[in-house]
Amino acid sequence: MLRKNAIDYFAAVTGLLIAGVAVPAVSAQTQPDNTRVNKEDRSSAAVTADQQKNDHNDRYLTQQIRKAVMADKTLSTYAHNVKVISQNGNVTLKGPVQSEDERKTVLAKAEQIAGAGNVTDQLSIKTSQ
């Protein structure tokens, strides 16, 4: 799959170059926004998505929360991509959102589905750069 994507990318860039369209260079030094957060996730105490088991109830809980968040088109891409981790009926929300209002909206949706007191909020507000 990776090879096919690389070939498709090469073909697209070659086609643009032949057509005389400038193609911006990809910077190899750009750090992803969540590098610091990923380092924090290496802690043995951190809750991460790979810890969620294949329990039917937890999968269903995660699925319903994800559907509710994705259905809200007023939320940003950041909010749509928060991590939802369910373990034994308890949900942890992780990742950046655009604003405090988005954080409250995502948290409210999760609590409505999982129940108040069953949701741990580890969401952060994305700072503009």
C-alpha atoms as a PDB file:
ATOM      1  CA  MET A   1       0.000   0.000   0.000  1.00  0.00           C
ATOM      2  CA  LEU A   2       2.833   2.362   0.875  1.00  0.00           C
ATOM      3  CA  ARG A   3       4.540   1.670  -2.442  1.00  0.00           C
ATOM      4  CA  LYS A   4       1.328   2.330  -4.386  1.00  0.00           C
ATOM      5  CA  ASN A   5       0.839   5.640  -2.560  1.00  0.00           C
ATOM      6  CA  ALA A   6       4.439   6.656  -3.308  1.00  0.00           C
ATOM      7  CA  ILE A   7       4.009   5.777  -6.984  1.00  0.00           C
ATOM      8  CA  ASP A   8       0.718   7.721  -7.168  1.00  0.00           C
ATOM      9  CA  TYR A   9       2.363  10.712  -5.475  1.00  0.00           C
ATOM     10  CA  PHE A  10       5.336  10.579  -7.853  1.00  0.00           C
ATOM     11  CA  ALA A  11       3.029  10.377 -10.874  1.00  0.00           C
ATOM     12  CA  ALA A  12       0.965  13.340  -9.647  1.00  0.00           C
ATOM     13  CA  VAL A  13       4.048  15.493  -8.986  1.00  0.00           C
ATOM     14  CA  THR A  14       5.572  14.543 -12.339  1.00  0.00           C
ATOM     15  CA  GLY A  15       2.324  15.466 -14.077  1.00  0.00           C
ATOM     16  CA  LEU A  16       2.235  18.840 -12.328  1.00  0.00           C
ATOM     17  CA  LEU A  17       5.852  19.537 -13.220  1.00  0.00           C
ATOM     18  CA  ILE A  18       5.215  18.702 -16.871  1.00  0.00           C
ATOM     19  CA  ALA A  19       2.182  21.003 -16.817  1.00  0.00           C
ATOM     20  CA  GLY A  20       4.379  23.793 -15.449  1.00  0.00           C
ATOM     21  CA  VAL A  21       2.753  23.951 -12.014  1.00  0.00           C
ATOM     22  CA  ALA A  22       5.033  24.704  -9.086  1.00  0.00           C
ATOM     23  CA  VAL A  23       5.059  21.997  -6.430  1.00  0.00           C
ATOM     24  CA  PRO A  24       6.009  23.101  -2.899  1.00  0.00           C
ATOM     25  CA  ALA A  25       8.880  21.229  -1.301  1.00  0.00           C
ATOM     26  CA  VAL A  26       8.058  19.010   1.677  1.00  0.00           C
ATOM     27  CA  SER A  27       9.976  20.077   4.758  1.00  0.00           C
ATOM     28  CA  ALA A  28      11.681  17.198   6.533  1.00  0.00           C
ATOM     29  CA  GLN A  29      12.152  19.262   9.692  1.00  0.00           C
ATOM     30  CA  THR A  30       8.506  20.002  10.473  1.00  0.00           C
ATOM     31  CA  GLN A  31       7.541  18.498  13.843  1.00  0.00           C
ATOM     32  CA  PRO A  32       4.000  17.200  14.336  1.00  0.00           C
ATOM     33  CA  ASP A  33       1.819  19.159  16.759  1.00  0.00           C
ATOM     34  CA  ASN A  34       1.571  16.302  19.239  1.00  0.00           C
ATOM     35  CA  THR A  35       5.217  15.314  19.712  1.00  0.00           C
ATOM     36  CA  ARG A  36       5.233  16.385  23.371  1.00  0.00           C
ATOM     37  CA  VAL A  37       1.962  14.558  24.057  1.00  0.00           C
ATOM     38  CA  ASN A  38       3.249  11.381  22.441  1.00  0.00           C
ATOM     39  CA  LYS A  39       6.246  11.440  24.781  1.00  0.00           C
ATOM     40  CA  GLU A  40       3.869  11.717  27.753  1.00  0.00           C
ATOM     41  CA  ASP A  41       1.957   8.664  26.482  1.00  0.00           C
ATOM     42  CA  ARG A  42       5.088   6.529  26.910  1.00  0.00           C
ATOM     43  CA  SER A  43       4.572   6.580  30.667  1.00  0.00           C
ATOM     44  CA  SER A  44       3.342   3.244  31.995  1.00  0.00           C
ATOM     45  CA  ALA A  45       0.578   5.093  33.885  1.00  0.00           C
ATOM     46  CA  ALA A  46      -0.758   6.840  30.763  1.00  0.00           C
ATOM     47  CA  VAL A  47      -4.013   5.581  29.246  1.00  0.00           C
ATOM     48  CA  THR A  48      -3.527   4.873  25.555  1.00  0.00           C
ATOM     49  CA  ALA A  49      -5.770   3.504  22.823  1.00  0.00           C
ATOM     50  CA  ASP A  50      -3.889   0.217  22.612  1.00  0.00           C
ATOM     51  CA  GLN A  51      -4.957  -0.566  26.180  1.00  0.00           C
ATOM     52  CA  GLN A  52      -8.614  -0.793  25.200  1.00  0.00           C
ATOM     53  CA  LYS A  53      -9.588  -4.455  25.129  1.00  0.00           C
ATOM     54  CA  ASN A  54     -11.918  -6.114  22.681  1.00  0.00           C
ATOM     55  CA  ASP A  55     -14.769  -6.088  25.207  1.00  0.00           C
ATOM     56  CA  HIS A  56     -18.130  -5.662  23.447  1.00  0.00           C
ATOM     57  CA  ASN A  57     -19.434  -3.053  25.900  1.00  0.00           C
ATOM     58  CA  ASP A  58     -16.287  -0.916  25.685  1.00  0.00           C
ATOM     59  CA  ARG A  59     -16.214  -1.099  21.898  1.00  0.00           C
ATOM     60  CA  TYR A  60     -19.885  -0.114  21.762  1.00  0.00           C
ATOM     61  CA  LEU A  61     -19.316   2.787  24.172  1.00  0.00           C
ATOM     62  CA  THR A  62     -16.379   4.073  22.110  1.00  0.00           C
ATOM     63  CA  GLN A  63     -18.369   3.684  18.904  1.00  0.00           C
ATOM     64  CA  GLN A  64     -21.369   5.634  20.218  1.00  0.00           C
ATOM     65  CA  ILE A  65     -19.212   8.485  21.535  1.00  0.00           C
ATOM     66  CA  ARG A  66     -17.263   8.634  18.266  1.00  0.00           C
ATOM     67  CA  LYS A  67     -20.541   8.753  16.276  1.00  0.00           C
ATOM     68  CA  ALA A  68     -21.895  11.577  18.452  1.00  0.00           C
ATOM     69  CA  VAL A  69     -18.718  13.639  18.084  1.00  0.00           C
ATOM     70  CA  MET A  70     -18.477  13.050  14.325  1.00  0.00           C
ATOM     71  CA  ALA A  71     -22.148  13.907  13.796  1.00  0.00           C
ATOM     72  CA  ASP A  72     -21.586  17.411  15.211  1.00  0.00           C
ATOM     73  CA  LYS A  73     -20.388  19.310  12.139  1.00  0.00           C
ATOM     74  CA  THR A  74     -19.831  22.477  14.193  1.00  0.00           C
ATOM     75  CA  LEU A  75     -16.779  20.844  15.785  1.00  0.00           C
ATOM     76  CA  SER A  76     -13.303  21.269  14.292  1.00  0.00           C
ATOM     77  CA  THR A  77     -11.188  18.524  12.794  1.00  0.00           C
ATOM     78  CA  TYR A  78      -9.210  18.503  16.026  1.00  0.00           C
ATOM     79  CA  ALA A  79     -12.353  17.670  18.016  1.00  0.00           C
ATOM     80  CA  HIS A  80     -13.391  15.032  15.484  1.00  0.00           C
ATOM     81  CA  ASN A  81     -10.019  13.351  16.010  1.00  0.00           C
ATOM     82  CA  VAL A  82      -9.889  13.151  19.799  1.00  0.00           C
ATOM     83  CA  LYS A  83      -8.959   9.755  21.189  1.00  0.00           C
ATOM     84  CA  VAL A  84     -11.812   7.911  22.888  1.00  0.00           C
ATOM     85  CA  ILE A  85     -10.515   5.099  25.093  1.00  0.00           C
ATOM     86  CA  SER A  86     -12.979   2.888  26.978  1.00  0.00           C
ATOM     87  CA  GLN A  87     -11.906   0.497  29.722  1.00  0.00           C
ATOM     88  CA  ASN A  88     -14.444  -1.346  31.868  1.00  0.00           C
ATOM     89  CA  GLY A  89     -17.135   1.280  31.223  1.00  0.00           C
ATOM     90  CA  ASN A  90     -14.830   4.213  31.993  1.00  0.00           C
ATOM     91  CA  VAL A  91     -13.937   6.558  29.147  1.00  0.00           C
ATOM     92  CA  THR A  92     -10.823   8.701  28.721  1.00  0.00           C
ATOM     93  CA  LEU A  93     -10.830  11.546  26.205  1.00  0.00           C
ATOM     94  CA  LYS A  94      -7.419  12.676  24.941  1.00  0.00           C
ATOM     95  CA  GLY A  95      -6.117  15.105  22.366  1.00  0.00           C
ATOM     96  CA  PRO A  96      -6.318  18.745  21.361  1.00  0.00           C
ATOM     97  CA  VAL A  97      -9.480  20.719  20.574  1.00  0.00           C
ATOM     98  CA  GLN A  98      -9.764  24.273  19.225  1.00  0.00           C
ATOM     99  CA  SER A  99     -11.452  25.971  22.181  1.00  0.00           C
ATOM    100  CA  GLU A 100     -12.858  25.612  25.669  1.00  0.00           C
ATOM    101  CA  ASP A 101     -16.359  25.445  24.161  1.00  0.00           C
ATOM    102  CA  GLU A 102     -15.322  22.487  22.003  1.00  0.00           C
ATOM    103  CA  ARG A 103     -13.805  20.768  25.023  1.00  0.00           C
ATOM    104  CA  LYS A 104     -17.077  21.182  26.922  1.00  0.00           C
ATOM    105  CA  THR A 105     -19.128  19.952  23.946  1.00  0.00           C
ATOM    106  CA  VAL A 106     -17.056  16.791  23.449  1.00  0.00           C
ATOM    107  CA  LEU A 107     -17.040  16.118  27.188  1.00  0.00           C
ATOM    108  CA  ALA A 108     -20.824  16.579  27.412  1.00  0.00           C
ATOM    109  CA  LYS A 109     -21.417  14.161  24.523  1.00  0.00           C
ATOM    110  CA  ALA A 110     -19.219  11.524  26.179  1.00  0.00           C
ATOM    111  CA  GLU A 111     -20.886  11.979  29.583  1.00  0.00           C
ATOM    112  CA  GLN A 112     -24.346  11.747  28.025  1.00  0.00           C
ATOM    113  CA  ILE A 113     -23.434   8.328  26.618  1.00  0.00           C
ATOM    114  CA  ALA A 114     -21.101   6.910  29.304  1.00  0.00           C
ATOM    115  CA  GLY A 115     -22.723   8.602  32.286  1.00  0.00           C
ATOM    116  CA  ALA A 116     -21.511  11.388  34.552  1.00  0.00           C
ATOM    117  CA  GLY A 117     -18.480  10.330  36.554  1.00  0.00           C
ATOM    118  CA  ASN A 118     -17.415   7.740  33.982  1.00  0.00           C
ATOM    119  CA  VAL A 119     -15.451  10.145  31.769  1.00  0.00           C
ATOM    120  CA  THR A 120     -11.890  11.340  32.370  1.00  0.00           C
ATOM    121  CA  ASP A 121     -11.111  14.595  30.589  1.00  0.00           C
ATOM    122  CA  GLN A 122      -7.552  14.753  29.281  1.00  0.00           C
ATOM    123  CA  LEU A 123      -8.400  17.104  26.416  1.00  0.00           C
ATOM    124  CA  SER A 124      -6.211  20.127  25.772  1.00  0.00           C
ATOM    125  CA  ILE A 125      -6.870  23.421  24.036  1.00  0.00           C
ATOM    126  CA  LYS A 126      -4.759  23.865  20.894  1.00  0.00           C
ATOM    127  CA  THR A 127      -2.747  27.037  21.095  1.00  0.00           C
ATOM    128  CA  SER A 128      -2.396  29.034  17.888  1.00  0.00           C
ATOM    129  CA  GLN A 129       1.119  29.232  16.508  1.00  0.00           C
END
